[in-house]
Amino acid sequence: MNSKEQSLEVVENFFNAINKGDFIEAKSYMATNHNYVGPMFSTNNPEDYFEKLMAFEMEFAVETQDLIVAENAVTHLSLLKVVNPVKATSIDEKALSLVSLKIIKTNKIWKLKLLPYQSYI
């Protein structure tokens, strides 16, 4: 298996663990100094990442739409489906960097032009 395939496997396994609600398994794919940068929060380790994520108190599923890989970097495009306490779906795109087959950095990518226009009139 080449490095691109291994990087894809790590990212796929990470999101599969997230969907199972198995944050211990998900953490096993992350470096101990994993850095997450997003619009709602940023963290410097897996424990803080999952603490912030769980603070939203919602049930969700990540439905992978596309994976783009370049050696030790993977762009993950998905539908984020919130199922509880409300039902909502949004486009989610993340750029993940890997070192030694561990996710070391995740950047949430915001492309507002991809989001559907909604009128609140």
PDB file of N, CA and C in Angstrom:
ATOM      1  N   MET A   1       0.848  -1.169   0.000  1.00  0.00           N
ATOM      2  CA  MET A   1       0.000   0.000   0.000  1.00  0.00           C
ATOM      3  C   MET A   1       0.903   1.244   0.000  1.00  0.00           C
ATOM      4  N   ASN A   2       0.659   2.175  -0.939  1.00  0.00           N
ATOM      5  CA  ASN A   2       1.495   3.373  -1.002  1.00  0.00           C
ATOM      6  C   ASN A   2       1.018   4.430  -0.001  1.00  0.00           C
ATOM      7  N   SER A   3       1.777   5.502   0.134  1.00  0.00           N
ATOM      8  CA  SER A   3       1.475   6.508   1.163  1.00  0.00           C
ATOM      9  C   SER A   3       0.141   7.203   0.925  1.00  0.00           C
ATOM     10  N   LYS A   4      -0.255   7.396  -0.331  1.00  0.00           N
ATOM     11  CA  LYS A   4      -1.560   8.010  -0.613  1.00  0.00           C
ATOM     12  C   LYS A   4      -2.688   7.105  -0.127  1.00  0.00           C
ATOM     13  N   GLU A   5      -2.571   5.824  -0.434  1.00  0.00           N
ATOM     14  CA  GLU A   5      -3.589   4.867   0.007  1.00  0.00           C
ATOM     15  C   GLU A   5      -3.643   4.789   1.528  1.00  0.00           C
ATOM     16  N   GLN A   6      -2.484   4.818   2.172  1.00  0.00           N
ATOM     17  CA  GLN A   6      -2.443   4.766   3.637  1.00  0.00           C
ATOM     18  C   GLN A   6      -3.070   6.019   4.244  1.00  0.00           C
ATOM     19  N   SER A   7      -2.787   7.175   3.660  1.00  0.00           N
ATOM     20  CA  SER A   7      -3.382   8.421   4.156  1.00  0.00           C
ATOM     21  C   SER A   7      -4.903   8.377   4.027  1.00  0.00           C
ATOM     22  N   LEU A   8      -5.388   7.904   2.884  1.00  0.00           N
ATOM     23  CA  LEU A   8      -6.836   7.768   2.680  1.00  0.00           C
ATOM     24  C   LEU A   8      -7.446   6.827   3.712  1.00  0.00           C
ATOM     25  N   GLU A   9      -6.775   5.715   3.961  1.00  0.00           N
ATOM     26  CA  GLU A   9      -7.282   4.736   4.920  1.00  0.00           C
ATOM     27  C   GLU A   9      -7.388   5.344   6.327  1.00  0.00           C
ATOM     28  N   VAL A  10      -6.388   6.098   6.731  1.00  0.00           N
ATOM     29  CA  VAL A  10      -6.415   6.740   8.048  1.00  0.00           C
ATOM     30  C   VAL A  10      -7.615   7.687   8.152  1.00  0.00           C
ATOM     31  N   VAL A  11      -7.791   8.524   7.146  1.00  0.00           N
ATOM     32  CA  VAL A  11      -8.889   9.499   7.184  1.00  0.00           C
ATOM     33  C   VAL A  11     -10.245   8.803   7.134  1.00  0.00           C
ATOM     34  N   GLU A  12     -10.386   7.792   6.289  1.00  0.00           N
ATOM     35  CA  GLU A  12     -11.648   7.042   6.241  1.00  0.00           C
ATOM     36  C   GLU A  12     -11.938   6.376   7.582  1.00  0.00           C
ATOM     37  N   ASN A  13     -10.934   5.752   8.178  1.00  0.00           N
ATOM     38  CA  ASN A  13     -11.123   5.096   9.486  1.00  0.00           C
ATOM     39  C   ASN A  13     -11.470   6.111  10.567  1.00  0.00           C
ATOM     40  N   PHE A  14     -10.840   7.288  10.517  1.00  0.00           N
ATOM     41  CA  PHE A  14     -11.138   8.348  11.483  1.00  0.00           C
ATOM     42  C   PHE A  14     -12.616   8.726  11.420  1.00  0.00           C
ATOM     43  N   PHE A  15     -13.131   9.008  10.228  1.00  0.00           N
ATOM     44  CA  PHE A  15     -14.534   9.414  10.105  1.00  0.00           C
ATOM     45  C   PHE A  15     -15.493   8.262  10.367  1.00  0.00           C
ATOM     46  N   ASN A  16     -15.101   7.026  10.054  1.00  0.00           N
ATOM     47  CA  ASN A  16     -15.932   5.876  10.419  1.00  0.00           C
ATOM     48  C   ASN A  16     -16.062   5.763  11.938  1.00  0.00           C
ATOM     49  N   ALA A  17     -14.964   5.983  12.649  1.00  0.00           N
ATOM     50  CA  ALA A  17     -14.999   5.946  14.118  1.00  0.00           C
ATOM     51  C   ALA A  17     -15.886   7.070  14.666  1.00  0.00           C
ATOM     52  N   ILE A  18     -15.781   8.254  14.071  1.00  0.00           N
ATOM     53  CA  ILE A  18     -16.639   9.380  14.481  1.00  0.00           C
ATOM     54  C   ILE A  18     -18.106   8.983  14.324  1.00  0.00           C
ATOM     55  N   ASN A  19     -18.439   8.400  13.186  1.00  0.00           N
ATOM     56  CA  ASN A  19     -19.835   8.008  12.935  1.00  0.00           C
ATOM     57  C   ASN A  19     -20.330   6.937  13.900  1.00  0.00           C
ATOM     58  N   LYS A  20     -19.429   6.093  14.377  1.00  0.00           N
ATOM     59  CA  LYS A  20     -19.809   5.076  15.374  1.00  0.00           C
ATOM     60  C   LYS A  20     -19.910   5.678  16.774  1.00  0.00           C
ATOM     61  N   GLY A  21     -19.455   6.920  16.919  1.00  0.00           N
ATOM     62  CA  GLY A  21     -19.428   7.543  18.246  1.00  0.00           C
ATOM     63  C   GLY A  21     -18.269   7.028  19.083  1.00  0.00           C
ATOM     64  N   ASP A  22     -17.298   6.404  18.445  1.00  0.00           N
ATOM     65  CA  ASP A  22     -16.152   5.840  19.150  1.00  0.00           C
ATOM     66  C   ASP A  22     -14.988   6.832  19.106  1.00  0.00           C
ATOM     67  N   PHE A  23     -15.032   7.800  20.018  1.00  0.00           N
ATOM     68  CA  PHE A  23     -14.021   8.851  20.028  1.00  0.00           C
ATOM     69  C   PHE A  23     -12.657   8.320  20.472  1.00  0.00           C
ATOM     70  N   ILE A  24     -12.630   7.230  21.222  1.00  0.00           N
ATOM     71  CA  ILE A  24     -11.345   6.627  21.603  1.00  0.00           C
ATOM     72  C   ILE A  24     -10.653   6.082  20.355  1.00  0.00           C
ATOM     73  N   GLU A  25     -11.407   5.370  19.523  1.00  0.00           N
ATOM     74  CA  GLU A  25     -10.827   4.885  18.271  1.00  0.00           C
ATOM     75  C   GLU A  25     -10.427   6.061  17.378  1.00  0.00           C
ATOM     76  N   ALA A  26     -11.294   7.064  17.274  1.00  0.00           N
ATOM     77  CA  ALA A  26     -10.988   8.232  16.433  1.00  0.00           C
ATOM     78  C   ALA A  26      -9.686   8.899  16.885  1.00  0.00           C
ATOM     79  N   LYS A  27      -9.500   9.014  18.203  1.00  0.00           N
ATOM     80  CA  LYS A  27      -8.264   9.617  18.726  1.00  0.00           C
ATOM     81  C   LYS A  27      -7.030   8.824  18.317  1.00  0.00           C
ATOM     82  N   SER A  28      -7.181   7.519  18.121  1.00  0.00           N
ATOM     83  CA  SER A  28      -6.025   6.688  17.760  1.00  0.00           C
ATOM     84  C   SER A  28      -5.468   7.044  16.380  1.00  0.00           C
ATOM     85  N   TYR A  29      -6.235   7.753  15.576  1.00  0.00           N
ATOM     86  CA  TYR A  29      -5.770   8.182  14.248  1.00  0.00           C
ATOM     87  C   TYR A  29      -5.191   9.588  14.272  1.00  0.00           C
ATOM     88  N   MET A  30      -5.169  10.215  15.459  1.00  0.00           N
ATOM     89  CA  MET A  30      -4.706  11.596  15.589  1.00  0.00           C
ATOM     90  C   MET A  30      -3.377  11.648  16.333  1.00  0.00           C
ATOM     91  N   ALA A  31      -2.528  12.590  15.933  1.00  0.00           N
ATOM     92  CA  ALA A  31      -1.290  12.838  16.678  1.00  0.00           C
ATOM     93  C   ALA A  31      -1.652  13.464  18.017  1.00  0.00           C
ATOM     94  N   THR A  32      -0.811  13.241  19.033  1.00  0.00           N
ATOM     95  CA  THR A  32      -1.098  13.798  20.361  1.00  0.00           C
ATOM     96  C   THR A  32      -1.088  15.322  20.361  1.00  0.00           C
ATOM     97  N   ASN A  33      -0.412  15.925  19.386  1.00  0.00           N
ATOM     98  CA  ASN A  33      -0.384  17.386  19.279  1.00  0.00           C
ATOM     99  C   ASN A  33      -1.249  17.866  18.105  1.00  0.00           C
ATOM    100  N   HIS A  34      -2.300  17.094  17.793  1.00  0.00           N
ATOM    101  CA  HIS A  34      -3.225  17.440  16.716  1.00  0.00           C
ATOM    102  C   HIS A  34      -3.740  18.860  16.900  1.00  0.00           C
ATOM    103  N   ASN A  35      -3.730  19.616  15.821  1.00  0.00           N
ATOM    104  CA  ASN A  35      -4.184  21.003  15.830  1.00  0.00           C
ATOM    105  C   ASN A  35      -5.404  21.112  14.931  1.00  0.00           C
ATOM    106  N   TYR A  36      -6.521  21.609  15.500  1.00  0.00           N
ATOM    107  CA  TYR A  36      -7.743  21.833  14.726  1.00  0.00           C
ATOM    108  C   TYR A  36      -7.985  23.332  14.652  1.00  0.00           C
ATOM    109  N   VAL A  37      -8.277  23.817  13.444  1.00  0.00           N
ATOM    110  CA  VAL A  37      -8.591  25.225  13.251  1.00  0.00           C
ATOM    111  C   VAL A  37      -9.935  25.306  12.545  1.00  0.00           C
ATOM    112  N   GLY A  38     -10.891  25.918  13.222  1.00  0.00           N
ATOM    113  CA  GLY A  38     -12.219  26.070  12.647  1.00  0.00           C
ATOM    114  C   GLY A  38     -12.850  27.378  13.074  1.00  0.00           C
ATOM    115  N   PRO A  39     -13.998  27.687  12.532  1.00  0.00           N
ATOM    116  CA  PRO A  39     -14.647  28.965  12.839  1.00  0.00           C
ATOM    117  C   PRO A  39     -15.306  29.011  14.225  1.00  0.00           C
ATOM    118  N   MET A  40     -15.681  27.845  14.770  1.00  0.00           N
ATOM    119  CA  MET A  40     -16.382  27.816  16.053  1.00  0.00           C
ATOM    120  C   MET A  40     -15.438  27.568  17.227  1.00  0.00           C
ATOM    121  N   PHE A  41     -14.331  26.888  16.949  1.00  0.00           N
ATOM    122  CA  PHE A  41     -13.329  26.640  17.987  1.00  0.00           C
ATOM    123  C   PHE A  41     -12.042  26.172  17.341  1.00  0.00           C
ATOM    124  N   SER A  42     -10.967  26.248  18.087  1.00  0.00           N
ATOM    125  CA  SER A  42      -9.664  25.718  17.677  1.00  0.00           C
ATOM    126  C   SER A  42      -9.076  24.985  18.871  1.00  0.00           C
ATOM    127  N   THR A  43      -8.321  23.914  18.600  1.00  0.00           N
ATOM    128  CA  THR A  43      -7.735  23.122  19.684  1.00  0.00           C
ATOM    129  C   THR A  43      -6.322  22.688  19.311  1.00  0.00           C
ATOM    130  N   ASN A  44      -5.580  22.224  20.344  1.00  0.00           N
ATOM    131  CA  ASN A  44      -4.197  21.805  20.148  1.00  0.00           C
ATOM    132  C   ASN A  44      -3.927  20.361  20.529  1.00  0.00           C
ATOM    133  N   ASN A  45      -4.981  19.586  20.800  1.00  0.00           N
ATOM    134  CA  ASN A  45      -4.813  18.163  21.101  1.00  0.00           C
ATOM    135  C   ASN A  45      -6.158  17.450  20.927  1.00  0.00           C
ATOM    136  N   PRO A  46      -6.149  16.140  20.744  1.00  0.00           N
ATOM    137  CA  PRO A  46      -7.390  15.399  20.505  1.00  0.00           C
ATOM    138  C   PRO A  46      -8.405  15.508  21.655  1.00  0.00           C
ATOM    139  N   GLU A  47      -7.930  15.521  22.904  1.00  0.00           N
ATOM    140  CA  GLU A  47      -8.856  15.592  24.039  1.00  0.00           C
ATOM    141  C   GLU A  47      -9.682  16.876  23.989  1.00  0.00           C
ATOM    142  N   ASP A  48      -9.018  17.993  23.738  1.00  0.00           N
ATOM    143  CA  ASP A  48      -9.738  19.273  23.656  1.00  0.00           C
ATOM    144  C   ASP A  48     -10.671  19.296  22.447  1.00  0.00           C
ATOM    145  N   TYR A  49     -10.235  18.697  21.346  1.00  0.00           N
ATOM    146  CA  TYR A  49     -11.066  18.650  20.139  1.00  0.00           C
ATOM    147  C   TYR A  49     -12.396  17.946  20.439  1.00  0.00           C
ATOM    148  N   PHE A  50     -12.332  16.765  21.049  1.00  0.00           N
ATOM    149  CA  PHE A  50     -13.561  16.027  21.315  1.00  0.00           C
ATOM    150  C   PHE A  50     -14.380  16.669  22.430  1.00  0.00           C
ATOM    151  N   GLU A  51     -13.728  17.300  23.383  1.00  0.00           N
ATOM    152  CA  GLU A  51     -14.456  18.030  24.425  1.00  0.00           C
ATOM    153  C   GLU A  51     -15.288  19.157  23.799  1.00  0.00           C
ATOM    154  N   LYS A  52     -14.674  19.910  22.889  1.00  0.00           N
ATOM    155  CA  LYS A  52     -15.389  21.012  22.213  1.00  0.00           C
ATOM    156  C   LYS A  52     -16.494  20.459  21.316  1.00  0.00           C
ATOM    157  N   LEU A  53     -16.202  19.379  20.615  1.00  0.00           N
ATOM    158  CA  LEU A  53     -17.192  18.779  19.728  1.00  0.00           C
ATOM    159  C   LEU A  53     -18.404  18.277  20.511  1.00  0.00           C
ATOM    160  N   MET A  54     -18.171  17.614  21.643  1.00  0.00           N
ATOM    161  CA  MET A  54     -19.261  17.082  22.455  1.00  0.00           C
ATOM    162  C   MET A  54     -20.057  18.182  23.136  1.00  0.00           C
ATOM    163  N   ALA A  55     -19.473  19.354  23.307  1.00  0.00           N
ATOM    164  CA  ALA A  55     -20.185  20.468  23.935  1.00  0.00           C
ATOM    165  C   ALA A  55     -21.392  20.916  23.105  1.00  0.00           C
ATOM    166  N   PHE A  56     -21.404  20.580  21.827  1.00  0.00           N
ATOM    167  CA  PHE A  56     -22.548  20.934  20.985  1.00  0.00           C
ATOM    168  C   PHE A  56     -23.781  20.103  21.316  1.00  0.00           C
ATOM    169  N   GLU A  57     -23.605  19.004  22.027  1.00  0.00           N
ATOM    170  CA  GLU A  57     -24.696  18.134  22.459  1.00  0.00           C
ATOM    171  C   GLU A  57     -25.654  17.801  21.325  1.00  0.00           C
ATOM    172  N   MET A  58     -25.089  17.250  20.266  1.00  0.00           N
ATOM    173  CA  MET A  58     -25.917  16.868  19.132  1.00  0.00           C
ATOM    174  C   MET A  58     -25.462  15.512  18.608  1.00  0.00           C
ATOM    175  N   GLU A  59     -26.394  14.834  17.973  1.00  0.00           N
ATOM    176  CA  GLU A  59     -26.068  13.596  17.283  1.00  0.00           C
ATOM    177  C   GLU A  59     -25.904  13.939  15.815  1.00  0.00           C
ATOM    178  N   PHE A  60     -24.859  13.416  15.206  1.00  0.00           N
ATOM    179  CA  PHE A  60     -24.623  13.742  13.812  1.00  0.00           C
ATOM    180  C   PHE A  60     -23.979  12.566  13.093  1.00  0.00           C
ATOM    181  N   ALA A  61     -24.005  12.640  11.776  1.00  0.00           N
ATOM    182  CA  ALA A  61     -23.338  11.651  10.931  1.00  0.00           C
ATOM    183  C   ALA A  61     -22.575  12.401   9.849  1.00  0.00           C
ATOM    184  N   VAL A  62     -21.414  11.883   9.523  1.00  0.00           N
ATOM    185  CA  VAL A  62     -20.590  12.453   8.470  1.00  0.00           C
ATOM    186  C   VAL A  62     -20.707  11.534   7.258  1.00  0.00           C
ATOM    187  N   GLU A  63     -21.268  12.056   6.170  1.00  0.00           N
ATOM    188  CA  GLU A  63     -21.458  11.269   4.959  1.00  0.00           C
ATOM    189  C   GLU A  63     -20.436  11.725   3.913  1.00  0.00           C
ATOM    190  N   THR A  64     -19.379  10.948   3.765  1.00  0.00           N
ATOM    191  CA  THR A  64     -18.303  11.308   2.846  1.00  0.00           C
ATOM    192  C   THR A  64     -18.819  11.379   1.417  1.00  0.00           C
ATOM    193  N   GLN A  65     -18.483  12.477   0.744  1.00  0.00           N
ATOM    194  CA  GLN A  65     -18.849  12.666  -0.653  1.00  0.00           C
ATOM    195  C   GLN A  65     -17.638  12.506  -1.573  1.00  0.00           C
ATOM    196  N   ASP A  66     -16.476  12.983  -1.099  1.00  0.00           N
ATOM    197  CA  ASP A  66     -15.276  12.906  -1.922  1.00  0.00           C
ATOM    198  C   ASP A  66     -14.044  13.014  -1.037  1.00  0.00           C
ATOM    199  N   LEU A  67     -12.981  12.371  -1.460  1.00  0.00           N
ATOM    200  CA  LEU A  67     -11.683  12.447  -0.799  1.00  0.00           C
ATOM    201  C   LEU A  67     -10.645  12.760  -1.871  1.00  0.00           C
ATOM    202  N   ILE A  68      -9.841  13.773  -1.618  1.00  0.00           N
ATOM    203  CA  ILE A  68      -8.773  14.144  -2.539  1.00  0.00           C
ATOM    204  C   ILE A  68      -7.473  14.011  -1.767  1.00  0.00           C
ATOM    205  N   VAL A  69      -6.539  13.238  -2.302  1.00  0.00           N
ATOM    206  CA  VAL A  69      -5.309  12.955  -1.565  1.00  0.00           C
ATOM    207  C   VAL A  69      -4.088  13.424  -2.346  1.00  0.00           C
ATOM    208  N   ALA A  70      -3.122  13.946  -1.598  1.00  0.00           N
ATOM    209  CA  ALA A  70      -1.825  14.351  -2.147  1.00  0.00           C
ATOM    210  C   ALA A  70      -0.774  13.957  -1.119  1.00  0.00           C
ATOM    211  N   GLU A  71      -0.254  12.736  -1.245  1.00  0.00           N
ATOM    212  CA  GLU A  71       0.741  12.188  -0.315  1.00  0.00           C
ATOM    213  C   GLU A  71       0.250  12.215   1.135  1.00  0.00           C
ATOM    214  N   ASN A  72       0.689  13.197   1.916  1.00  0.00           N
ATOM    215  CA  ASN A  72       0.340  13.246   3.342  1.00  0.00           C
ATOM    216  C   ASN A  72      -0.712  14.298   3.658  1.00  0.00           C
ATOM    217  N   ALA A  73      -1.570  14.582   2.702  1.00  0.00           N
ATOM    218  CA  ALA A  73      -2.660  15.530   2.922  1.00  0.00           C
ATOM    219  C   ALA A  73      -3.912  14.994   2.250  1.00  0.00           C
ATOM    220  N   VAL A  74      -5.036  15.154   2.916  1.00  0.00           N
ATOM    221  CA  VAL A  74      -6.307  14.682   2.384  1.00  0.00           C
ATOM    222  C   VAL A  74      -7.345  15.782   2.570  1.00  0.00           C
ATOM    223  N   THR A  75      -8.072  16.075   1.502  1.00  0.00           N
ATOM    224  CA  THR A  75      -9.229  16.963   1.605  1.00  0.00           C
ATOM    225  C   THR A  75     -10.451  16.066   1.674  1.00  0.00           C
ATOM    226  N   HIS A  76     -11.261  16.292   2.695  1.00  0.00           N
ATOM    227  CA  HIS A  76     -12.448  15.466   2.949  1.00  0.00           C
ATOM    228  C   HIS A  76     -13.676  16.339   2.749  1.00  0.00           C
ATOM    229  N   LEU A  77     -14.466  16.027   1.737  1.00  0.00           N
ATOM    230  CA  LEU A  77     -15.710  16.743   1.460  1.00  0.00           C
ATOM    231  C   LEU A  77     -16.857  15.839   1.873  1.00  0.00           C
ATOM    232  N   SER A  78     -17.744  16.372   2.708  1.00  0.00           N
ATOM    233  CA  SER A  78     -18.824  15.532   3.220  1.00  0.00           C
ATOM    234  C   SER A  78     -20.094  16.345   3.437  1.00  0.00           C
ATOM    235  N   LEU A  79     -21.151  15.609   3.717  1.00  0.00           N
ATOM    236  CA  LEU A  79     -22.378  16.201   4.213  1.00  0.00           C
ATOM    237  C   LEU A  79     -22.395  15.930   5.709  1.00  0.00           C
ATOM    238  N   LEU A  80     -22.524  16.981   6.485  1.00  0.00           N
ATOM    239  CA  LEU A  80     -22.653  16.838   7.931  1.00  0.00           C
ATOM    240  C   LEU A  80     -24.142  16.834   8.231  1.00  0.00           C
ATOM    241  N   LYS A  81     -24.633  15.702   8.700  1.00  0.00           N
ATOM    242  CA  LYS A  81     -26.060  15.539   8.951  1.00  0.00           C
ATOM    243  C   LYS A  81     -26.310  15.519  10.454  1.00  0.00           C
ATOM    244  N   VAL A  82     -26.911  16.581  10.942  1.00  0.00           N
ATOM    245  CA  VAL A  82     -27.312  16.642  12.341  1.00  0.00           C
ATOM    246  C   VAL A  82     -28.667  15.949  12.437  1.00  0.00           C
ATOM    247  N   VAL A  83     -28.789  14.981  13.348  1.00  0.00           N
ATOM    248  CA  VAL A  83     -30.027  14.222  13.476  1.00  0.00           C
ATOM    249  C   VAL A  83     -30.756  14.485  14.790  1.00  0.00           C
ATOM    250  N   ASN A  84     -30.064  15.079  15.751  1.00  0.00           N
ATOM    251  CA  ASN A  84     -30.692  15.368  17.039  1.00  0.00           C
ATOM    252  C   ASN A  84     -29.887  16.469  17.717  1.00  0.00           C
ATOM    253  N   PRO A  85     -30.445  17.479  18.285  1.00  0.00           N
ATOM    254  CA  PRO A  85     -31.842  17.722  18.603  1.00  0.00           C
ATOM    255  C   PRO A  85     -32.657  18.306  17.459  1.00  0.00           C
ATOM    256  N   VAL A  86     -32.021  18.732  16.380  1.00  0.00           N
ATOM    257  CA  VAL A  86     -32.732  19.213  15.194  1.00  0.00           C
ATOM    258  C   VAL A  86     -32.233  18.403  14.011  1.00  0.00           C
ATOM    259  N   LYS A  87     -32.926  18.526  12.898  1.00  0.00           N
ATOM    260  CA  LYS A  87     -32.473  17.865  11.678  1.00  0.00           C
ATOM    261  C   LYS A  87     -31.968  18.947  10.731  1.00  0.00           C
ATOM    262  N   ALA A  88     -30.714  18.801  10.308  1.00  0.00           N
ATOM    263  CA  ALA A  88     -30.112  19.764   9.388  1.00  0.00           C
ATOM    264  C   ALA A  88     -28.962  19.085   8.667  1.00  0.00           C
ATOM    265  N   THR A  89     -28.690  19.546   7.472  1.00  0.00           N
ATOM    266  CA  THR A  89     -27.568  19.030   6.687  1.00  0.00           C
ATOM    267  C   THR A  89     -26.789  20.205   6.140  1.00  0.00           C
ATOM    268  N   SER A  90     -25.477  20.121   6.240  1.00  0.00           N
ATOM    269  CA  SER A  90     -24.638  21.172   5.667  1.00  0.00           C
ATOM    270  C   SER A  90     -23.437  20.539   4.983  1.00  0.00           C
ATOM    271  N   ILE A  91     -22.862  21.286   4.071  1.00  0.00           N
ATOM    272  CA  ILE A  91     -21.641  20.852   3.394  1.00  0.00           C
ATOM    273  C   ILE A  91     -20.476  21.093   4.345  1.00  0.00           C
ATOM    274  N   ASP A  92     -19.592  20.116   4.444  1.00  0.00           N
ATOM    275  CA  ASP A  92     -18.448  20.218   5.337  1.00  0.00           C
ATOM    276  C   ASP A  92     -17.191  19.838   4.560  1.00  0.00           C
ATOM    277  N   GLU A  93     -16.185  20.680   4.624  1.00  0.00           N
ATOM    278  CA  GLU A  93     -14.936  20.386   3.946  1.00  0.00           C
ATOM    279  C   GLU A  93     -13.785  20.626   4.910  1.00  0.00           C
ATOM    280  N   LYS A  94     -12.919  19.643   4.998  1.00  0.00           N
ATOM    281  CA  LYS A  94     -11.770  19.730   5.896  1.00  0.00           C
ATOM    282  C   LYS A  94     -10.500  19.335   5.144  1.00  0.00           C
ATOM    283  N   ALA A  95      -9.418  20.032   5.450  1.00  0.00           N
ATOM    284  CA  ALA A  95      -8.092  19.676   4.932  1.00  0.00           C
ATOM    285  C   ALA A  95      -7.328  19.057   6.090  1.00  0.00           C
ATOM    286  N   LEU A  96      -6.907  17.819   5.925  1.00  0.00           N
ATOM    287  CA  LEU A  96      -6.208  17.092   6.978  1.00  0.00           C
ATOM    288  C   LEU A  96      -4.777  16.826   6.552  1.00  0.00           C
ATOM    289  N   SER A  97      -3.836  17.113   7.448  1.00  0.00           N
ATOM    290  CA  SER A  97      -2.421  16.831   7.207  1.00  0.00           C
ATOM    291  C   SER A  97      -2.006  15.668   8.082  1.00  0.00           C
ATOM    292  N   LEU A  98      -1.203  14.763   7.519  1.00  0.00           N
ATOM    293  CA  LEU A  98      -0.765  13.577   8.247  1.00  0.00           C
ATOM    294  C   LEU A  98       0.749  13.525   8.334  1.00  0.00           C
ATOM    295  N   VAL A  99       1.237  13.057   9.480  1.00  0.00           N
ATOM    296  CA  VAL A  99       2.653  12.782   9.701  1.00  0.00           C
ATOM    297  C   VAL A  99       2.716  11.407  10.352  1.00  0.00           C
ATOM    298  N   SER A 100       3.516  10.527   9.790  1.00  0.00           N
ATOM    299  CA  SER A 100       3.654   9.154  10.307  1.00  0.00           C
ATOM    300  C   SER A 100       2.287   8.478  10.462  1.00  0.00           C
ATOM    301  N   LEU A 101       1.421   8.700   9.475  1.00  0.00           N
ATOM    302  CA  LEU A 101       0.082   8.125   9.427  1.00  0.00           C
ATOM    303  C   LEU A 101      -0.800   8.509  10.616  1.00  0.00           C
ATOM    304  N   LYS A 102      -0.563   9.700  11.158  1.00  0.00           N
ATOM    305  CA  LYS A 102      -1.420  10.274  12.195  1.00  0.00           C
ATOM    306  C   LYS A 102      -1.878  11.643  11.704  1.00  0.00           C
ATOM    307  N   ILE A 103      -3.144  11.955  11.960  1.00  0.00           N
ATOM    308  CA  ILE A 103      -3.665  13.271  11.573  1.00  0.00           C
ATOM    309  C   ILE A 103      -3.086  14.291  12.545  1.00  0.00           C
ATOM    310  N   ILE A 104      -2.288  15.207  12.022  1.00  0.00           N
ATOM    311  CA  ILE A 104      -1.632  16.195  12.878  1.00  0.00           C
ATOM    312  C   ILE A 104      -2.320  17.553  12.826  1.00  0.00           C
ATOM    313  N   LYS A 105      -2.997  17.839  11.723  1.00  0.00           N
ATOM    314  CA  LYS A 105      -3.667  19.135  11.605  1.00  0.00           C
ATOM    315  C   LYS A 105      -4.929  18.977  10.776  1.00  0.00           C
ATOM    316  N   THR A 106      -5.989  19.636  11.231  1.00  0.00           N
ATOM    317  CA  THR A 106      -7.254  19.673  10.501  1.00  0.00           C
ATOM    318  C   THR A 106      -7.691  21.124  10.396  1.00  0.00           C
ATOM    319  N   ASN A 107      -7.915  21.557   9.173  1.00  0.00           N
ATOM    320  CA  ASN A 107      -8.441  22.903   8.926  1.00  0.00           C
ATOM    321  C   ASN A 107      -9.839  22.786   8.358  1.00  0.00           C
ATOM    322  N   LYS A 108     -10.785  23.422   9.007  1.00  0.00           N
ATOM    323  CA  LYS A 108     -12.148  23.506   8.486  1.00  0.00           C
ATOM    324  C   LYS A 108     -12.133  24.538   7.381  1.00  0.00           C
ATOM    325  N   ILE A 109     -12.629  24.182   6.210  1.00  0.00           N
ATOM    326  CA  ILE A 109     -12.656  25.090   5.074  1.00  0.00           C
ATOM    327  C   ILE A 109     -14.069  25.619   4.911  1.00  0.00           C
ATOM    328  N   TRP A 110     -14.187  26.934   4.903  1.00  0.00           N
ATOM    329  CA  TRP A 110     -15.494  27.568   4.716  1.00  0.00           C
ATOM    330  C   TRP A 110     -15.582  28.132   3.322  1.00  0.00           C
ATOM    331  N   LYS A 111     -16.496  27.603   2.551  1.00  0.00           N
ATOM    332  CA  LYS A 111     -16.780  28.131   1.226  1.00  0.00           C
ATOM    333  C   LYS A 111     -18.255  28.501   1.217  1.00  0.00           C
ATOM    334  N   LEU A 112     -18.538  29.716   1.601  1.00  0.00           N
ATOM    335  CA  LEU A 112     -19.926  30.129   1.731  1.00  0.00           C
ATOM    336  C   LEU A 112     -20.695  30.023   0.418  1.00  0.00           C
ATOM    337  N   LYS A 113     -20.001  30.147  -0.697  1.00  0.00           N
ATOM    338  CA  LYS A 113     -20.699  30.048  -1.970  1.00  0.00           C
ATOM    339  C   LYS A 113     -21.249  28.643  -2.215  1.00  0.00           C
ATOM    340  N   LEU A 114     -20.749  27.638  -1.491  1.00  0.00           N
ATOM    341  CA  LEU A 114     -21.274  26.278  -1.627  1.00  0.00           C
ATOM    342  C   LEU A 114     -22.566  26.071  -0.848  1.00  0.00           C
ATOM    343  N   LEU A 115     -22.807  26.933   0.125  1.00  0.00           N
ATOM    344  CA  LEU A 115     -23.993  26.760   0.960  1.00  0.00           C
ATOM    345  C   LEU A 115     -25.209  27.283   0.225  1.00  0.00           C
ATOM    346  N   PRO A 116     -26.330  26.581   0.326  1.00  0.00           N
ATOM    347  CA  PRO A 116     -27.532  27.056  -0.357  1.00  0.00           C
ATOM    348  C   PRO A 116     -28.038  28.350   0.261  1.00  0.00           C
ATOM    349  N   TYR A 117     -28.526  29.231  -0.580  1.00  0.00           N
ATOM    350  CA  TYR A 117     -29.090  30.511  -0.108  1.00  0.00           C
ATOM    351  C   TYR A 117     -30.398  30.221   0.592  1.00  0.00           C
ATOM    352  N   GLN A 118     -30.581  30.821   1.758  1.00  0.00           N
ATOM    353  CA  GLN A 118     -31.847  30.666   2.481  1.00  0.00           C
ATOM    354  C   GLN A 118     -32.380  32.047   2.821  1.00  0.00           C
ATOM    355  N   SER A 119     -33.646  32.202   2.602  1.00  0.00           N
ATOM    356  CA  SER A 119     -34.302  33.466   2.911  1.00  0.00           C
ATOM    357  C   SER A 119     -35.055  33.304   4.228  1.00  0.00           C
ATOM    358  N   TYR A 120     -34.896  34.257   5.096  1.00  0.00           N
ATOM    359  CA  TYR A 120     -35.549  34.210   6.406  1.00  0.00           C
ATOM    360  C   TYR A 120     -36.610  35.301   6.513  1.00  0.00           C
ATOM    361  N   ILE A 121     -37.219  35.661   5.411  1.00  0.00           N
ATOM    362  CA  ILE A 121     -38.236  36.724   5.406  1.00  0.00           C
ATOM    363  C   ILE A 121     -39.546  36.202   5.912  1.00  0.00           C
TER     364      ILE A 121
END
